[in-house]
Amino acid sequence: MRPRRRFTEKRLIFLKEKKSVFFWIYRGKSSMDMGAILSISENTVNFHIKNAKNKLNCSSRTVAAVKALKLGIVDI
C-alpha cells in the first residue's frame, strides 16, 4: 500500500470552471444562479464545489472559497 500523500499548494490545480465557481461563491450566488451565469447545470456546479471542498479538505463551500483565496488559488 502506498503512503498517503499530503496535499501541498503545488498539487492544488483547479480548472477555470472551479475558479469561476469560487468567484461567484464570494458574491453570494446560489448553485442555481451560478449554473445560469456559467451556462452549466446546477449539478455540474455542485460537482465542482464538492471536488474543490475535497481537495482543500473543507466541510463547507464558504470555507473552501476562503481557503482558496488565502492559498492564492483564486483572485477576487
PDB file of N, CA and C in Angstrom:
ATOM      1  N   MET A   1       0.841  -1.172   0.000  1.00  0.00           N
ATOM      2  CA  MET A   1       0.000   0.000   0.000  1.00  0.00           C
ATOM      3  C   MET A   1       0.893   1.244   0.000  1.00  0.00           C
ATOM      4  N   ARG A   2       0.563   2.194  -0.887  1.00  0.00           N
ATOM      5  CA  ARG A   2       1.336   3.426  -0.966  1.00  0.00           C
ATOM      6  C   ARG A   2       1.007   4.343   0.200  1.00  0.00           C
ATOM      7  N   PRO A   3       1.998   5.073   0.682  1.00  0.00           N
ATOM      8  CA  PRO A   3       1.697   6.047   1.750  1.00  0.00           C
ATOM      9  C   PRO A   3       0.827   7.171   1.191  1.00  0.00           C
ATOM     10  N   ARG A   4      -0.049   7.643   1.990  1.00  0.00           N
ATOM     11  CA  ARG A   4      -0.954   8.721   1.573  1.00  0.00           C
ATOM     12  C   ARG A   4      -0.187  10.032   1.479  1.00  0.00           C
ATOM     13  N   ARG A   5      -0.325  10.695   0.338  1.00  0.00           N
ATOM     14  CA  ARG A   5       0.366  11.969   0.151  1.00  0.00           C
ATOM     15  C   ARG A   5      -0.469  13.111   0.706  1.00  0.00           C
ATOM     16  N   ARG A   6       0.200  14.067   1.251  1.00  0.00           N
ATOM     17  CA  ARG A   6      -0.482  15.267   1.739  1.00  0.00           C
ATOM     18  C   ARG A   6      -0.604  16.254   0.592  1.00  0.00           C
ATOM     19  N   PHE A   7      -1.696  16.978   0.587  1.00  0.00           N
ATOM     20  CA  PHE A   7      -1.874  17.997  -0.436  1.00  0.00           C
ATOM     21  C   PHE A   7      -0.982  19.188  -0.114  1.00  0.00           C
ATOM     22  N   THR A   8      -0.279  19.649  -1.094  1.00  0.00           N
ATOM     23  CA  THR A   8       0.516  20.851  -0.935  1.00  0.00           C
ATOM     24  C   THR A   8      -0.034  21.880  -1.904  1.00  0.00           C
ATOM     25  N   GLU A   9       0.354  23.088  -1.711  1.00  0.00           N
ATOM     26  CA  GLU A   9      -0.131  24.170  -2.568  1.00  0.00           C
ATOM     27  C   GLU A   9       0.155  23.873  -4.032  1.00  0.00           C
ATOM     28  N   LYS A  10       1.300  23.278  -4.344  1.00  0.00           N
ATOM     29  CA  LYS A  10       1.673  22.989  -5.722  1.00  0.00           C
ATOM     30  C   LYS A  10       0.753  21.954  -6.352  1.00  0.00           C
ATOM     31  N   ARG A  11       0.205  21.048  -5.568  1.00  0.00           N
ATOM     32  CA  ARG A  11      -0.644  19.985  -6.102  1.00  0.00           C
ATOM     33  C   ARG A  11      -2.094  20.419  -6.266  1.00  0.00           C
ATOM     34  N   LEU A  12      -2.453  21.565  -5.744  1.00  0.00           N
ATOM     35  CA  LEU A  12      -3.830  22.035  -5.842  1.00  0.00           C
ATOM     36  C   LEU A  12      -4.027  22.753  -7.174  1.00  0.00           C
ATOM     37  N   ILE A  13      -4.396  21.985  -8.174  1.00  0.00           N
ATOM     38  CA  ILE A  13      -4.612  22.531  -9.502  1.00  0.00           C
ATOM     39  C   ILE A  13      -6.116  22.614  -9.725  1.00  0.00           C
ATOM     40  N   PHE A  14      -6.580  23.791 -10.057  1.00  0.00           N
ATOM     41  CA  PHE A  14      -8.004  23.998 -10.266  1.00  0.00           C
ATOM     42  C   PHE A  14      -8.258  24.458 -11.688  1.00  0.00           C
ATOM     43  N   LEU A  15      -9.269  23.887 -12.282  1.00  0.00           N
ATOM     44  CA  LEU A  15      -9.663  24.277 -13.624  1.00  0.00           C
ATOM     45  C   LEU A  15     -10.379  25.621 -13.595  1.00  0.00           C
ATOM     46  N   LYS A  16     -10.478  26.209 -14.747  1.00  0.00           N
ATOM     47  CA  LYS A  16     -11.127  27.514 -14.893  1.00  0.00           C
ATOM     48  C   LYS A  16     -12.544  27.511 -14.312  1.00  0.00           C
ATOM     49  N   GLU A  17     -13.276  26.415 -14.521  1.00  0.00           N
ATOM     50  CA  GLU A  17     -14.662  26.342 -14.032  1.00  0.00           C
ATOM     51  C   GLU A  17     -14.721  26.399 -12.511  1.00  0.00           C
ATOM     52  N   LYS A  18     -13.803  25.694 -11.847  1.00  0.00           N
ATOM     53  CA  LYS A  18     -13.810  25.721 -10.383  1.00  0.00           C
ATOM     54  C   LYS A  18     -13.452  27.114  -9.869  1.00  0.00           C
ATOM     55  N   LYS A  19     -12.517  27.769 -10.543  1.00  0.00           N
ATOM     56  CA  LYS A  19     -12.159  29.130 -10.141  1.00  0.00           C
ATOM     57  C   LYS A  19     -13.342  30.069 -10.330  1.00  0.00           C
ATOM     58  N   SER A  20     -14.099  29.885 -11.402  1.00  0.00           N
ATOM     59  CA  SER A  20     -15.287  30.709 -11.635  1.00  0.00           C
ATOM     60  C   SER A  20     -16.325  30.475 -10.550  1.00  0.00           C
ATOM     61  N   VAL A  21     -16.472  29.227 -10.140  1.00  0.00           N
ATOM     62  CA  VAL A  21     -17.428  28.900  -9.078  1.00  0.00           C
ATOM     63  C   VAL A  21     -17.021  29.603  -7.785  1.00  0.00           C
ATOM     64  N   PHE A  22     -15.727  29.586  -7.442  1.00  0.00           N
ATOM     65  CA  PHE A  22     -15.272  30.302  -6.247  1.00  0.00           C
ATOM     66  C   PHE A  22     -15.597  31.791  -6.340  1.00  0.00           C
ATOM     67  N   PHE A  23     -15.372  32.372  -7.503  1.00  0.00           N
ATOM     68  CA  PHE A  23     -15.663  33.790  -7.719  1.00  0.00           C
ATOM     69  C   PHE A  23     -17.112  34.100  -7.360  1.00  0.00           C
ATOM     70  N   TRP A  24     -18.026  33.259  -7.826  1.00  0.00           N
ATOM     71  CA  TRP A  24     -19.445  33.515  -7.569  1.00  0.00           C
ATOM     72  C   TRP A  24     -19.857  33.147  -6.140  1.00  0.00           C
ATOM     73  N   ILE A  25     -19.157  32.211  -5.514  1.00  0.00           N
ATOM     74  CA  ILE A  25     -19.428  31.921  -4.099  1.00  0.00           C
ATOM     75  C   ILE A  25     -19.140  33.169  -3.273  1.00  0.00           C
ATOM     76  N   TYR A  26     -18.031  33.862  -3.587  1.00  0.00           N
ATOM     77  CA  TYR A  26     -17.695  35.104  -2.881  1.00  0.00           C
ATOM     78  C   TYR A  26     -18.806  36.128  -3.015  1.00  0.00           C
ATOM     79  N   ARG A  27     -19.493  36.108  -4.127  1.00  0.00           N
ATOM     80  CA  ARG A  27     -20.556  37.077  -4.367  1.00  0.00           C
ATOM     81  C   ARG A  27     -21.920  36.610  -3.862  1.00  0.00           C
ATOM     82  N   GLY A  28     -21.943  35.479  -3.155  1.00  0.00           N
ATOM     83  CA  GLY A  28     -23.158  35.006  -2.502  1.00  0.00           C
ATOM     84  C   GLY A  28     -24.179  34.359  -3.427  1.00  0.00           C
ATOM     85  N   LYS A  29     -23.746  33.884  -4.573  1.00  0.00           N
ATOM     86  CA  LYS A  29     -24.675  33.272  -5.522  1.00  0.00           C
ATOM     87  C   LYS A  29     -24.969  31.825  -5.138  1.00  0.00           C
ATOM     88  N   SER A  30     -26.176  31.388  -5.437  1.00  0.00           N
ATOM     89  CA  SER A  30     -26.564  30.004  -5.203  1.00  0.00           C
ATOM     90  C   SER A  30     -26.045  29.138  -6.353  1.00  0.00           C
ATOM     91  N   SER A  31     -26.111  27.837  -6.165  1.00  0.00           N
ATOM     92  CA  SER A  31     -25.686  26.913  -7.222  1.00  0.00           C
ATOM     93  C   SER A  31     -26.526  27.106  -8.479  1.00  0.00           C
ATOM     94  N   MET A  32     -27.804  27.348  -8.300  1.00  0.00           N
ATOM     95  CA  MET A  32     -28.688  27.564  -9.443  1.00  0.00           C
ATOM     96  C   MET A  32     -28.290  28.833 -10.204  1.00  0.00           C
ATOM     97  N   ASP A  33     -28.022  29.906  -9.459  1.00  0.00           N
ATOM     98  CA  ASP A  33     -27.600  31.161 -10.091  1.00  0.00           C
ATOM     99  C   ASP A  33     -26.266  30.991 -10.826  1.00  0.00           C
ATOM    100  N   MET A  34     -25.320  30.300 -10.171  1.00  0.00           N
ATOM    101  CA  MET A  34     -24.019  30.088 -10.809  1.00  0.00           C
ATOM    102  C   MET A  34     -24.156  29.276 -12.084  1.00  0.00           C
ATOM    103  N   GLY A  35     -25.012  28.276 -12.075  1.00  0.00           N
ATOM    104  CA  GLY A  35     -25.250  27.474 -13.268  1.00  0.00           C
ATOM    105  C   GLY A  35     -25.756  28.316 -14.418  1.00  0.00           C
ATOM    106  N   ALA A  36     -26.690  29.207 -14.107  1.00  0.00           N
ATOM    107  CA  ALA A  36     -27.245  30.085 -15.143  1.00  0.00           C
ATOM    108  C   ALA A  36     -26.178  31.055 -15.660  1.00  0.00           C
ATOM    109  N   ILE A  37     -25.388  31.607 -14.781  1.00  0.00           N
ATOM    110  CA  ILE A  37     -24.337  32.562 -15.172  1.00  0.00           C
ATOM    111  C   ILE A  37     -23.269  31.882 -16.029  1.00  0.00           C
ATOM    112  N   LEU A  38     -22.863  30.671 -15.626  1.00  0.00           N
ATOM    113  CA  LEU A  38     -21.771  29.969 -16.301  1.00  0.00           C
ATOM    114  C   LEU A  38     -22.248  29.066 -17.442  1.00  0.00           C
ATOM    115  N   SER A  39     -23.549  29.011 -17.653  1.00  0.00           N
ATOM    116  CA  SER A  39     -24.160  28.165 -18.693  1.00  0.00           C
ATOM    117  C   SER A  39     -23.818  26.688 -18.491  1.00  0.00           C
ATOM    118  N   ILE A  40     -23.891  26.263 -17.234  1.00  0.00           N
ATOM    119  CA  ILE A  40     -23.733  24.854 -16.896  1.00  0.00           C
ATOM    120  C   ILE A  40     -24.868  24.481 -15.954  1.00  0.00           C
ATOM    121  N   SER A  41     -25.079  23.183 -15.750  1.00  0.00           N
ATOM    122  CA  SER A  41     -26.186  22.770 -14.893  1.00  0.00           C
ATOM    123  C   SER A  41     -25.851  22.985 -13.418  1.00  0.00           C
ATOM    124  N   GLU A  42     -26.889  23.039 -12.615  1.00  0.00           N
ATOM    125  CA  GLU A  42     -26.723  23.171 -11.169  1.00  0.00           C
ATOM    126  C   GLU A  42     -25.941  21.978 -10.622  1.00  0.00           C
ATOM    127  N   ASN A  43     -26.200  20.781 -11.180  1.00  0.00           N
ATOM    128  CA  ASN A  43     -25.467  19.582 -10.752  1.00  0.00           C
ATOM    129  C   ASN A  43     -23.971  19.701 -11.043  1.00  0.00           C
ATOM    130  N   THR A  44     -23.622  20.298 -12.166  1.00  0.00           N
ATOM    131  CA  THR A  44     -22.210  20.488 -12.510  1.00  0.00           C
ATOM    132  C   THR A  44     -21.566  21.463 -11.538  1.00  0.00           C
ATOM    133  N   VAL A  45     -22.284  22.519 -11.196  1.00  0.00           N
ATOM    134  CA  VAL A  45     -21.773  23.476 -10.202  1.00  0.00           C
ATOM    135  C   VAL A  45     -21.511  22.753  -8.887  1.00  0.00           C
ATOM    136  N   ASN A  46     -22.476  21.968  -8.431  1.00  0.00           N
ATOM    137  CA  ASN A  46     -22.318  21.247  -7.170  1.00  0.00           C
ATOM    138  C   ASN A  46     -21.176  20.234  -7.242  1.00  0.00           C
ATOM    139  N   PHE A  47     -20.980  19.617  -8.414  1.00  0.00           N
ATOM    140  CA  PHE A  47     -19.870  18.693  -8.619  1.00  0.00           C
ATOM    141  C   PHE A  47     -18.532  19.419  -8.434  1.00  0.00           C
ATOM    142  N   HIS A  48     -18.391  20.604  -9.042  1.00  0.00           N
ATOM    143  CA  HIS A  48     -17.164  21.381  -8.913  1.00  0.00           C
ATOM    144  C   HIS A  48     -16.932  21.793  -7.456  1.00  0.00           C
ATOM    145  N   ILE A  49     -17.982  22.214  -6.785  1.00  0.00           N
ATOM    146  CA  ILE A  49     -17.867  22.624  -5.383  1.00  0.00           C
ATOM    147  C   ILE A  49     -17.439  21.443  -4.513  1.00  0.00           C
ATOM    148  N   LYS A  50     -18.065  20.301  -4.732  1.00  0.00           N
ATOM    149  CA  LYS A  50     -17.738  19.104  -3.942  1.00  0.00           C
ATOM    150  C   LYS A  50     -16.273  18.706  -4.134  1.00  0.00           C
ATOM    151  N   ASN A  51     -15.813  18.690  -5.371  1.00  0.00           N
ATOM    152  CA  ASN A  51     -14.419  18.325  -5.633  1.00  0.00           C
ATOM    153  C   ASN A  51     -13.446  19.330  -5.027  1.00  0.00           C
ATOM    154  N   ALA A  52     -13.780  20.608  -5.131  1.00  0.00           N
ATOM    155  CA  ALA A  52     -12.914  21.644  -4.554  1.00  0.00           C
ATOM    156  C   ALA A  52     -12.860  21.510  -3.031  1.00  0.00           C
ATOM    157  N   LYS A  53     -14.008  21.240  -2.406  1.00  0.00           N
ATOM    158  CA  LYS A  53     -14.029  21.062  -0.951  1.00  0.00           C
ATOM    159  C   LYS A  53     -13.157  19.876  -0.544  1.00  0.00           C
ATOM    160  N   ASN A  54     -13.219  18.803  -1.315  1.00  0.00           N
ATOM    161  CA  ASN A  54     -12.401  17.628  -1.002  1.00  0.00           C
ATOM    162  C   ASN A  54     -10.914  17.927  -1.161  1.00  0.00           C
ATOM    163  N   LYS A  55     -10.541  18.613  -2.242  1.00  0.00           N
ATOM    164  CA  LYS A  55      -9.135  18.951  -2.464  1.00  0.00           C
ATOM    165  C   LYS A  55      -8.583  19.839  -1.360  1.00  0.00           C
ATOM    166  N   LEU A  56      -9.421  20.749  -0.884  1.00  0.00           N
ATOM    167  CA  LEU A  56      -8.986  21.698   0.145  1.00  0.00           C
ATOM    168  C   LEU A  56      -9.251  21.200   1.559  1.00  0.00           C
ATOM    169  N   ASN A  57      -9.867  20.011   1.666  1.00  0.00           N
ATOM    170  CA  ASN A  57     -10.183  19.420   2.964  1.00  0.00           C
ATOM    171  C   ASN A  57     -11.055  20.352   3.801  1.00  0.00           C
ATOM    172  N   CYS A  58     -12.137  20.821   3.195  1.00  0.00           N
ATOM    173  CA  CYS A  58     -13.068  21.736   3.861  1.00  0.00           C
ATOM    174  C   CYS A  58     -14.460  21.124   3.900  1.00  0.00           C
ATOM    175  N   SER A  59     -15.231  21.525   4.886  1.00  0.00           N
ATOM    176  CA  SER A  59     -16.573  20.969   5.027  1.00  0.00           C
ATOM    177  C   SER A  59     -17.658  21.850   4.407  1.00  0.00           C
ATOM    178  N   SER A  60     -17.358  23.103   4.120  1.00  0.00           N
ATOM    179  CA  SER A  60     -18.376  23.969   3.521  1.00  0.00           C
ATOM    180  C   SER A  60     -17.799  24.728   2.337  1.00  0.00           C
ATOM    181  N   ARG A  61     -18.685  25.157   1.466  1.00  0.00           N
ATOM    182  CA  ARG A  61     -18.249  25.874   0.269  1.00  0.00           C
ATOM    183  C   ARG A  61     -17.638  27.229   0.611  1.00  0.00           C
ATOM    184  N   THR A  62     -18.150  27.874   1.635  1.00  0.00           N
ATOM    185  CA  THR A  62     -17.619  29.180   2.031  1.00  0.00           C
ATOM    186  C   THR A  62     -16.200  29.048   2.568  1.00  0.00           C
ATOM    187  N   VAL A  63     -15.974  28.052   3.408  1.00  0.00           N
ATOM    188  CA  VAL A  63     -14.640  27.823   3.963  1.00  0.00           C
ATOM    189  C   VAL A  63     -13.670  27.470   2.832  1.00  0.00           C
ATOM    190  N   ALA A  64     -14.115  26.660   1.873  1.00  0.00           N
ATOM    191  CA  ALA A  64     -13.265  26.295   0.737  1.00  0.00           C
ATOM    192  C   ALA A  64     -12.894  27.528  -0.089  1.00  0.00           C
ATOM    193  N   ALA A  65     -13.854  28.417  -0.296  1.00  0.00           N
ATOM    194  CA  ALA A  65     -13.592  29.635  -1.064  1.00  0.00           C
ATOM    195  C   ALA A  65     -12.587  30.531  -0.346  1.00  0.00           C
ATOM    196  N   VAL A  66     -12.723  30.674   0.957  1.00  0.00           N
ATOM    197  CA  VAL A  66     -11.792  31.497   1.735  1.00  0.00           C
ATOM    198  C   VAL A  66     -10.401  30.872   1.727  1.00  0.00           C
ATOM    199  N   LYS A  67     -10.330  29.554   1.884  1.00  0.00           N
ATOM    200  CA  LYS A  67      -9.047  28.865   1.883  1.00  0.00           C
ATOM    201  C   LYS A  67      -8.357  29.008   0.519  1.00  0.00           C
ATOM    202  N   ALA A  68      -9.136  28.896  -0.570  1.00  0.00           N
ATOM    203  CA  ALA A  68      -8.582  29.052  -1.918  1.00  0.00           C
ATOM    204  C   ALA A  68      -8.007  30.453  -2.101  1.00  0.00           C
ATOM    205  N   LEU A  69      -8.684  31.449  -1.556  1.00  0.00           N
ATOM    206  CA  LEU A  69      -8.198  32.821  -1.623  1.00  0.00           C
ATOM    207  C   LEU A  69      -6.879  32.975  -0.845  1.00  0.00           C
ATOM    208  N   LYS A  70      -6.844  32.427   0.358  1.00  0.00           N
ATOM    209  CA  LYS A  70      -5.643  32.520   1.193  1.00  0.00           C
ATOM    210  C   LYS A  70      -4.447  31.816   0.566  1.00  0.00           C
ATOM    211  N   LEU A  71      -4.705  30.709  -0.137  1.00  0.00           N
ATOM    212  CA  LEU A  71      -3.625  29.971  -0.788  1.00  0.00           C
ATOM    213  C   LEU A  71      -3.215  30.566  -2.128  1.00  0.00           C
ATOM    214  N   GLY A  72      -3.947  31.588  -2.560  1.00  0.00           N
ATOM    215  CA  GLY A  72      -3.614  32.232  -3.828  1.00  0.00           C
ATOM    216  C   GLY A  72      -4.079  31.461  -5.047  1.00  0.00           C
ATOM    217  N   ILE A  73      -5.003  30.526  -4.850  1.00  0.00           N
ATOM    218  CA  ILE A  73      -5.519  29.735  -5.958  1.00  0.00           C
ATOM    219  C   ILE A  73      -6.444  30.569  -6.846  1.00  0.00           C
ATOM    220  N   VAL A  74      -7.198  31.454  -6.208  1.00  0.00           N
ATOM    221  CA  VAL A  74      -8.126  32.315  -6.946  1.00  0.00           C
ATOM    222  C   VAL A  74      -7.916  33.768  -6.537  1.00  0.00           C
ATOM    223  N   ASP A  75      -8.312  34.660  -7.417  1.00  0.00           N
ATOM    224  CA  ASP A  75      -8.302  36.099  -7.150  1.00  0.00           C
ATOM    225  C   ASP A  75      -9.743  36.591  -7.158  1.00  0.00           C
ATOM    226  N   ILE A  76      -9.993  37.621  -6.361  1.00  0.00           N
ATOM    227  CA  ILE A  76     -11.328  38.208  -6.450  1.00  0.00           C
ATOM    228  C   ILE A  76     -11.214  39.671  -6.817  1.00  0.00           C
TER     229      ILE A  76
END
